[in-house]
Amino acid sequence: MAKGRNVHVVPNGNNWQVKPEGGRPVSNHRTQGAAEAAAKPIARQNQAEVVIHRPNGQIRDKDSFGNDPNPPKDNKH
């Protein structure tokens, strides 16, 4: 996966997928939390952002693991 490419946590039927932006799904999970946990190390390694979607596809949250283009820096971690 290319550096800086965002990692999305998206609904897939009753499951959740971890999917790099513009790429194929990396993994499938039964819960959104499990998918989010799997996406974070990928984003951290690639200095990217995790984009978490709602079941309807809307973006629910974002979590940066690199150079945040929109200061202030992420204060969640």
PDB file of N, CA and C in Angstrom:
ATOM      1  N   MET A   1       0.837  -1.176   0.000  1.00  0.00           N
ATOM      2  CA  MET A   1       0.000   0.000   0.000  1.00  0.00           C
ATOM      3  C   MET A   1       0.886   1.244   0.000  1.00  0.00           C
ATOM      4  N   ALA A   2       0.482   2.261  -0.731  1.00  0.00           N
ATOM      5  CA  ALA A   2       1.269   3.489  -0.844  1.00  0.00           C
ATOM      6  C   ALA A   2       1.149   4.343   0.410  1.00  0.00           C
ATOM      7  N   LYS A   3       2.240   5.030   0.751  1.00  0.00           N
ATOM      8  CA  LYS A   3       2.217   5.931   1.908  1.00  0.00           C
ATOM      9  C   LYS A   3       1.196   7.030   1.672  1.00  0.00           C
ATOM     10  N   GLY A   4       0.484   7.370   2.758  1.00  0.00           N
ATOM     11  CA  GLY A   4      -0.471   8.458   2.696  1.00  0.00           C
ATOM     12  C   GLY A   4      -1.840   8.077   2.157  1.00  0.00           C
ATOM     13  N   ARG A   5      -2.007   6.847   1.710  1.00  0.00           N
ATOM     14  CA  ARG A   5      -3.298   6.420   1.187  1.00  0.00           C
ATOM     15  C   ARG A   5      -4.207   6.089   2.369  1.00  0.00           C
ATOM     16  N   ASN A   6      -5.337   6.771   2.483  1.00  0.00           N
ATOM     17  CA  ASN A   6      -6.250   6.576   3.601  1.00  0.00           C
ATOM     18  C   ASN A   6      -6.798   5.165   3.638  1.00  0.00           C
ATOM     19  N   VAL A   7      -7.125   4.701   4.849  1.00  0.00           N
ATOM     20  CA  VAL A   7      -7.675   3.372   5.058  1.00  0.00           C
ATOM     21  C   VAL A   7      -9.112   3.554   5.548  1.00  0.00           C
ATOM     22  N   HIS A   8     -10.060   2.960   4.840  1.00  0.00           N
ATOM     23  CA  HIS A   8     -11.471   3.130   5.165  1.00  0.00           C
ATOM     24  C   HIS A   8     -12.019   1.887   5.858  1.00  0.00           C
ATOM     25  N   VAL A   9     -12.894   2.118   6.842  1.00  0.00           N
ATOM     26  CA  VAL A   9     -13.659   1.061   7.497  1.00  0.00           C
ATOM     27  C   VAL A   9     -15.075   1.229   6.975  1.00  0.00           C
ATOM     28  N   VAL A  10     -15.507   0.290   6.120  1.00  0.00           N
ATOM     29  CA  VAL A  10     -16.774   0.442   5.405  1.00  0.00           C
ATOM     30  C   VAL A  10     -17.698  -0.750   5.655  1.00  0.00           C
ATOM     31  N   PRO A  11     -19.028  -0.491   5.614  1.00  0.00           N
ATOM     32  CA  PRO A  11     -19.975  -1.595   5.776  1.00  0.00           C
ATOM     33  C   PRO A  11     -19.969  -2.493   4.538  1.00  0.00           C
ATOM     34  N   ASN A  12     -20.200  -3.782   4.785  1.00  0.00           N
ATOM     35  CA  ASN A  12     -20.301  -4.768   3.711  1.00  0.00           C
ATOM     36  C   ASN A  12     -21.353  -5.782   4.123  1.00  0.00           C
ATOM     37  N   GLY A  13     -22.609  -5.489   3.808  1.00  0.00           N
ATOM     38  CA  GLY A  13     -23.704  -6.341   4.275  1.00  0.00           C
ATOM     39  C   GLY A  13     -23.814  -6.232   5.781  1.00  0.00           C
ATOM     40  N   ASN A  14     -23.728  -7.354   6.478  1.00  0.00           N
ATOM     41  CA  ASN A  14     -23.763  -7.361   7.947  1.00  0.00           C
ATOM     42  C   ASN A  14     -22.370  -7.300   8.561  1.00  0.00           C
ATOM     43  N   ASN A  15     -21.357  -7.197   7.737  1.00  0.00           N
ATOM     44  CA  ASN A  15     -19.971  -7.177   8.199  1.00  0.00           C
ATOM     45  C   ASN A  15     -19.318  -5.832   7.887  1.00  0.00           C
ATOM     46  N   TRP A  16     -18.035  -5.717   8.232  1.00  0.00           N
ATOM     47  CA  TRP A  16     -17.261  -4.500   7.993  1.00  0.00           C
ATOM     48  C   TRP A  16     -15.962  -4.861   7.308  1.00  0.00           C
ATOM     49  N   GLN A  17     -15.535  -4.010   6.363  1.00  0.00           N
ATOM     50  CA  GLN A  17     -14.298  -4.246   5.635  1.00  0.00           C
ATOM     51  C   GLN A  17     -13.290  -3.138   5.930  1.00  0.00           C
ATOM     52  N   VAL A  18     -12.020  -3.523   5.875  1.00  0.00           N
ATOM     53  CA  VAL A  18     -10.917  -2.569   5.900  1.00  0.00           C
ATOM     54  C   VAL A  18     -10.460  -2.470   4.451  1.00  0.00           C
ATOM     55  N   LYS A  19     -10.503  -1.241   3.920  1.00  0.00           N
ATOM     56  CA  LYS A  19     -10.251  -1.064   2.497  1.00  0.00           C
ATOM     57  C   LYS A  19      -9.387   0.175   2.263  1.00  0.00           C
ATOM     58  N   PRO A  20      -8.197   0.015   1.668  1.00  0.00           N
ATOM     59  CA  PRO A  20      -7.383   1.181   1.329  1.00  0.00           C
ATOM     60  C   PRO A  20      -8.080   2.000   0.242  1.00  0.00           C
ATOM     61  N   GLU A  21      -7.880   3.292   0.291  1.00  0.00           N
ATOM     62  CA  GLU A  21      -8.499   4.182  -0.680  1.00  0.00           C
ATOM     63  C   GLU A  21      -8.093   3.780  -2.091  1.00  0.00           C
ATOM     64  N   GLY A  22      -9.086   3.510  -2.929  1.00  0.00           N
ATOM     65  CA  GLY A  22      -8.828   3.144  -4.312  1.00  0.00           C
ATOM     66  C   GLY A  22      -8.351   1.720  -4.510  1.00  0.00           C
ATOM     67  N   GLY A  23      -8.385   0.914  -3.443  1.00  0.00           N
ATOM     68  CA  GLY A  23      -7.886  -0.453  -3.550  1.00  0.00           C
ATOM     69  C   GLY A  23      -8.940  -1.495  -3.211  1.00  0.00           C
ATOM     70  N   ARG A  24      -8.505  -2.714  -3.158  1.00  0.00           N
ATOM     71  CA  ARG A  24      -9.383  -3.836  -2.804  1.00  0.00           C
ATOM     72  C   ARG A  24      -9.392  -4.028  -1.291  1.00  0.00           C
ATOM     73  N   PRO A  25     -10.451  -4.628  -0.758  1.00  0.00           N
ATOM     74  CA  PRO A  25     -10.518  -4.862   0.692  1.00  0.00           C
ATOM     75  C   PRO A  25      -9.340  -5.699   1.180  1.00  0.00           C
ATOM     76  N   VAL A  26      -8.838  -5.327   2.365  1.00  0.00           N
ATOM     77  CA  VAL A  26      -7.715  -6.020   2.976  1.00  0.00           C
ATOM     78  C   VAL A  26      -8.214  -7.116   3.911  1.00  0.00           C
ATOM     79  N   SER A  27      -9.325  -6.830   4.633  1.00  0.00           N
ATOM     80  CA  SER A  27      -9.856  -7.814   5.571  1.00  0.00           C
ATOM     81  C   SER A  27     -11.339  -7.562   5.831  1.00  0.00           C
ATOM     82  N   ASN A  28     -12.016  -8.606   6.343  1.00  0.00           N
ATOM     83  CA  ASN A  28     -13.431  -8.535   6.705  1.00  0.00           C
ATOM     84  C   ASN A  28     -13.574  -8.844   8.187  1.00  0.00           C
ATOM     85  N   HIS A  29     -14.534  -8.170   8.843  1.00  0.00           N
ATOM     86  CA  HIS A  29     -14.722  -8.327  10.280  1.00  0.00           C
ATOM     87  C   HIS A  29     -16.203  -8.336  10.613  1.00  0.00           C
ATOM     88  N   ARG A  30     -16.540  -8.982  11.716  1.00  0.00           N
ATOM     89  CA  ARG A  30     -17.940  -9.066  12.146  1.00  0.00           C
ATOM     90  C   ARG A  30     -18.419  -7.773  12.773  1.00  0.00           C
ATOM     91  N   THR A  31     -17.507  -6.997  13.394  1.00  0.00           N
ATOM     92  CA  THR A  31     -17.906  -5.755  14.055  1.00  0.00           C
ATOM     93  C   THR A  31     -17.098  -4.580  13.506  1.00  0.00           C
ATOM     94  N   GLN A  32     -17.678  -3.398  13.651  1.00  0.00           N
ATOM     95  CA  GLN A  32     -16.990  -2.182  13.233  1.00  0.00           C
ATOM     96  C   GLN A  32     -15.747  -1.950  14.090  1.00  0.00           C
ATOM     97  N   GLY A  33     -15.845  -2.243  15.369  1.00  0.00           N
ATOM     98  CA  GLY A  33     -14.712  -2.069  16.273  1.00  0.00           C
ATOM     99  C   GLY A  33     -13.530  -2.931  15.883  1.00  0.00           C
ATOM    100  N   ALA A  34     -13.790  -4.171  15.487  1.00  0.00           N
ATOM    101  CA  ALA A  34     -12.713  -5.072  15.069  1.00  0.00           C
ATOM    102  C   ALA A  34     -12.069  -4.568  13.782  1.00  0.00           C
ATOM    103  N   ALA A  35     -12.882  -4.069  12.870  1.00  0.00           N
ATOM    104  CA  ALA A  35     -12.350  -3.528  11.615  1.00  0.00           C
ATOM    105  C   ALA A  35     -11.513  -2.280  11.880  1.00  0.00           C
ATOM    106  N   GLU A  36     -11.992  -1.440  12.781  1.00  0.00           N
ATOM    107  CA  GLU A  36     -11.254  -0.221  13.137  1.00  0.00           C
ATOM    108  C   GLU A  36      -9.904  -0.581  13.757  1.00  0.00           C
ATOM    109  N   ALA A  37      -9.893  -1.573  14.643  1.00  0.00           N
ATOM    110  CA  ALA A  37      -8.648  -2.012  15.280  1.00  0.00           C
ATOM    111  C   ALA A  37      -7.666  -2.569  14.250  1.00  0.00           C
ATOM    112  N   ALA A  38      -8.176  -3.233  13.230  1.00  0.00           N
ATOM    113  CA  ALA A  38      -7.307  -3.777  12.177  1.00  0.00           C
ATOM    114  C   ALA A  38      -6.794  -2.684  11.248  1.00  0.00           C
ATOM    115  N   ALA A  39      -7.565  -1.623  11.069  1.00  0.00           N
ATOM    116  CA  ALA A  39      -7.186  -0.538  10.155  1.00  0.00           C
ATOM    117  C   ALA A  39      -6.103   0.365  10.737  1.00  0.00           C
ATOM    118  N   LYS A  40      -6.097   0.548  12.050  1.00  0.00           N
ATOM    119  CA  LYS A  40      -5.170   1.491  12.680  1.00  0.00           C
ATOM    120  C   LYS A  40      -3.698   1.154  12.450  1.00  0.00           C
ATOM    121  N   PRO A  41      -3.246  -0.090  12.625  1.00  0.00           N
ATOM    122  CA  PRO A  41      -1.823  -0.376  12.365  1.00  0.00           C
ATOM    123  C   PRO A  41      -1.435  -0.150  10.900  1.00  0.00           C
ATOM    124  N   ILE A  42      -2.357  -0.406   9.989  1.00  0.00           N
ATOM    125  CA  ILE A  42      -2.090  -0.184   8.564  1.00  0.00           C
ATOM    126  C   ILE A  42      -1.896   1.310   8.314  1.00  0.00           C
ATOM    127  N   ALA A  43      -2.793   2.127   8.872  1.00  0.00           N
ATOM    128  CA  ALA A  43      -2.697   3.574   8.707  1.00  0.00           C
ATOM    129  C   ALA A  43      -1.440   4.119   9.376  1.00  0.00           C
ATOM    130  N   ARG A  44      -1.114   3.594  10.552  1.00  0.00           N
ATOM    131  CA  ARG A  44       0.081   4.047  11.281  1.00  0.00           C
ATOM    132  C   ARG A  44       1.340   3.752  10.458  1.00  0.00           C
ATOM    133  N   GLN A  45       1.414   2.560   9.892  1.00  0.00           N
ATOM    134  CA  GLN A  45       2.568   2.152   9.101  1.00  0.00           C
ATOM    135  C   GLN A  45       2.719   3.027   7.854  1.00  0.00           C
ATOM    136  N   ASN A  46       1.603   3.436   7.271  1.00  0.00           N
ATOM    137  CA  ASN A  46       1.633   4.198   6.030  1.00  0.00           C
ATOM    138  C   ASN A  46       1.441   5.695   6.224  1.00  0.00           C
ATOM    139  N   GLN A  47       1.465   6.138   7.484  1.00  0.00           N
ATOM    140  CA  GLN A  47       1.286   7.548   7.818  1.00  0.00           C
ATOM    141  C   GLN A  47       0.063   8.117   7.109  1.00  0.00           C
ATOM    142  N   ALA A  48      -1.053   7.451   7.327  1.00  0.00           N
ATOM    143  CA  ALA A  48      -2.306   7.799   6.652  1.00  0.00           C
ATOM    144  C   ALA A  48      -3.391   8.079   7.678  1.00  0.00           C
ATOM    145  N   GLU A  49      -4.606   8.114   7.215  1.00  0.00           N
ATOM    146  CA  GLU A  49      -5.751   8.401   8.052  1.00  0.00           C
ATOM    147  C   GLU A  49      -6.733   7.240   7.985  1.00  0.00           C
ATOM    148  N   VAL A  50      -7.335   6.887   9.131  1.00  0.00           N
ATOM    149  CA  VAL A  50      -8.405   5.902   9.159  1.00  0.00           C
ATOM    150  C   VAL A  50      -9.704   6.679   9.022  1.00  0.00           C
ATOM    151  N   VAL A  51     -10.519   6.308   8.046  1.00  0.00           N
ATOM    152  CA  VAL A  51     -11.814   6.950   7.818  1.00  0.00           C
ATOM    153  C   VAL A  51     -12.885   5.920   8.150  1.00  0.00           C
ATOM    154  N   ILE A  52     -13.657   6.192   9.209  1.00  0.00           N
ATOM    155  CA  ILE A  52     -14.658   5.249   9.697  1.00  0.00           C
ATOM    156  C   ILE A  52     -16.031   5.690   9.206  1.00  0.00           C
ATOM    157  N   HIS A  53     -16.717   4.771   8.547  1.00  0.00           N
ATOM    158  CA  HIS A  53     -18.027   5.067   7.979  1.00  0.00           C
ATOM    159  C   HIS A  53     -19.153   4.519   8.858  1.00  0.00           C
ATOM    160  N   ARG A  54     -20.325   5.092   8.719  1.00  0.00           N
ATOM    161  CA  ARG A  54     -21.534   4.595   9.380  1.00  0.00           C
ATOM    162  C   ARG A  54     -22.124   3.467   8.533  1.00  0.00           C
ATOM    163  N   PRO A  55     -23.087   2.715   9.079  1.00  0.00           N
ATOM    164  CA  PRO A  55     -23.717   1.657   8.274  1.00  0.00           C
ATOM    165  C   PRO A  55     -24.349   2.163   6.977  1.00  0.00           C
ATOM    166  N   ASN A  56     -24.761   3.445   6.932  1.00  0.00           N
ATOM    167  CA  ASN A  56     -25.351   3.986   5.709  1.00  0.00           C
ATOM    168  C   ASN A  56     -24.299   4.520   4.743  1.00  0.00           C
ATOM    169  N   GLY A  57     -23.011   4.422   5.093  1.00  0.00           N
ATOM    170  CA  GLY A  57     -21.931   4.848   4.217  1.00  0.00           C
ATOM    171  C   GLY A  57     -21.380   6.231   4.516  1.00  0.00           C
ATOM    172  N   GLN A  58     -22.080   7.044   5.312  1.00  0.00           N
ATOM    173  CA  GLN A  58     -21.586   8.361   5.681  1.00  0.00           C
ATOM    174  C   GLN A  58     -20.328   8.242   6.523  1.00  0.00           C
ATOM    175  N   ILE A  59     -19.468   9.246   6.439  1.00  0.00           N
ATOM    176  CA  ILE A  59     -18.265   9.263   7.275  1.00  0.00           C
ATOM    177  C   ILE A  59     -18.671   9.624   8.701  1.00  0.00           C
ATOM    178  N   ARG A  60     -18.270   8.785   9.654  1.00  0.00           N
ATOM    179  CA  ARG A  60     -18.581   9.002  11.060  1.00  0.00           C
ATOM    180  C   ARG A  60     -17.434   9.688  11.781  1.00  0.00           C
ATOM    181  N   ASP A  61     -16.190   9.282  11.456  1.00  0.00           N
ATOM    182  CA  ASP A  61     -15.029   9.795  12.180  1.00  0.00           C
ATOM    183  C   ASP A  61     -13.782   9.578  11.338  1.00  0.00           C
ATOM    184  N   LYS A  62     -12.735  10.337  11.661  1.00  0.00           N
ATOM    185  CA  LYS A  62     -11.428  10.172  11.031  1.00  0.00           C
ATOM    186  C   LYS A  62     -10.379  10.178  12.128  1.00  0.00           C
ATOM    187  N   ASP A  63      -9.312   9.447  11.895  1.00  0.00           N
ATOM    188  CA  ASP A  63      -8.235   9.357  12.865  1.00  0.00           C
ATOM    189  C   ASP A  63      -6.911   9.406  12.101  1.00  0.00           C
ATOM    190  N   SER A  64      -6.091  10.433  12.353  1.00  0.00           N
ATOM    191  CA  SER A  64      -4.844  10.637  11.626  1.00  0.00           C
ATOM    192  C   SER A  64      -3.676   9.916  12.276  1.00  0.00           C
ATOM    193  N   PHE A  65      -2.845   9.320  11.439  1.00  0.00           N
ATOM    194  CA  PHE A  65      -1.621   8.657  11.891  1.00  0.00           C
ATOM    195  C   PHE A  65      -0.462   9.093  11.007  1.00  0.00           C
ATOM    196  N   GLY A  66      -0.253  10.377  10.902  1.00  0.00           N
ATOM    197  CA  GLY A  66       0.825  10.902  10.074  1.00  0.00           C
ATOM    198  C   GLY A  66       0.772  12.401  10.114  1.00  0.00           C
ATOM    199  N   ASN A  67       1.171  13.019   9.047  1.00  0.00           N
ATOM    200  CA  ASN A  67       1.107  14.467   8.959  1.00  0.00           C
ATOM    201  C   ASN A  67      -0.340  14.885   8.757  1.00  0.00           C
ATOM    202  N   ASP A  68      -0.916  15.506   9.766  1.00  0.00           N
ATOM    203  CA  ASP A  68      -2.302  15.944   9.699  1.00  0.00           C
ATOM    204  C   ASP A  68      -2.366  17.219   8.865  1.00  0.00           C
ATOM    205  N   PRO A  69      -3.040  17.198   7.708  1.00  0.00           N
ATOM    206  CA  PRO A  69      -3.068  18.374   6.852  1.00  0.00           C
ATOM    207  C   PRO A  69      -3.927  19.505   7.414  1.00  0.00           C
ATOM    208  N   ASN A  70      -4.728  19.217   8.423  1.00  0.00           N
ATOM    209  CA  ASN A  70      -5.623  20.217   9.002  1.00  0.00           C
ATOM    210  C   ASN A  70      -5.351  20.388  10.489  1.00  0.00           C
ATOM    211  N   PRO A  71      -4.388  21.257  10.840  1.00  0.00           N
ATOM    212  CA  PRO A  71      -4.142  21.482  12.267  1.00  0.00           C
ATOM    213  C   PRO A  71      -5.403  21.977  12.944  1.00  0.00           C
ATOM    214  N   PRO A  72      -5.652  21.785  14.207  1.00  0.00           N
ATOM    215  CA  PRO A  72      -4.718  21.221  15.177  1.00  0.00           C
ATOM    216  C   PRO A  72      -4.597  19.715  15.048  1.00  0.00           C
ATOM    217  N   LYS A  73      -3.511  19.209  15.570  1.00  0.00           N
ATOM    218  CA  LYS A  73      -3.242  17.773  15.504  1.00  0.00           C
ATOM    219  C   LYS A  73      -4.314  16.991  16.246  1.00  0.00           C
ATOM    220  N   ASP A  74      -4.447  15.734  15.859  1.00  0.00           N
ATOM    221  CA  ASP A  74      -5.414  14.829  16.476  1.00  0.00           C
ATOM    222  C   ASP A  74      -5.096  14.677  17.957  1.00  0.00           C
ATOM    223  N   ASN A  75      -6.060  14.950  18.827  1.00  0.00           N
ATOM    224  CA  ASN A  75      -5.842  14.869  20.275  1.00  0.00           C
ATOM    225  C   ASN A  75      -6.430  13.620  20.904  1.00  0.00           C
ATOM    226  N   LYS A  76      -6.942  12.681  20.105  1.00  0.00           N
ATOM    227  CA  LYS A  76      -7.545  11.460  20.653  1.00  0.00           C
ATOM    228  C   LYS A  76      -6.507  10.515  21.227  1.00  0.00           C
ATOM    229  N   HIS A  77      -5.277  10.578  20.728  1.00  0.00           N
ATOM    230  CA  HIS A  77      -4.253   9.607  21.148  1.00  0.00           C
ATOM    231  C   HIS A  77      -3.091  10.305  21.786  1.00  0.00           C
TER     232      HIS A  77
END
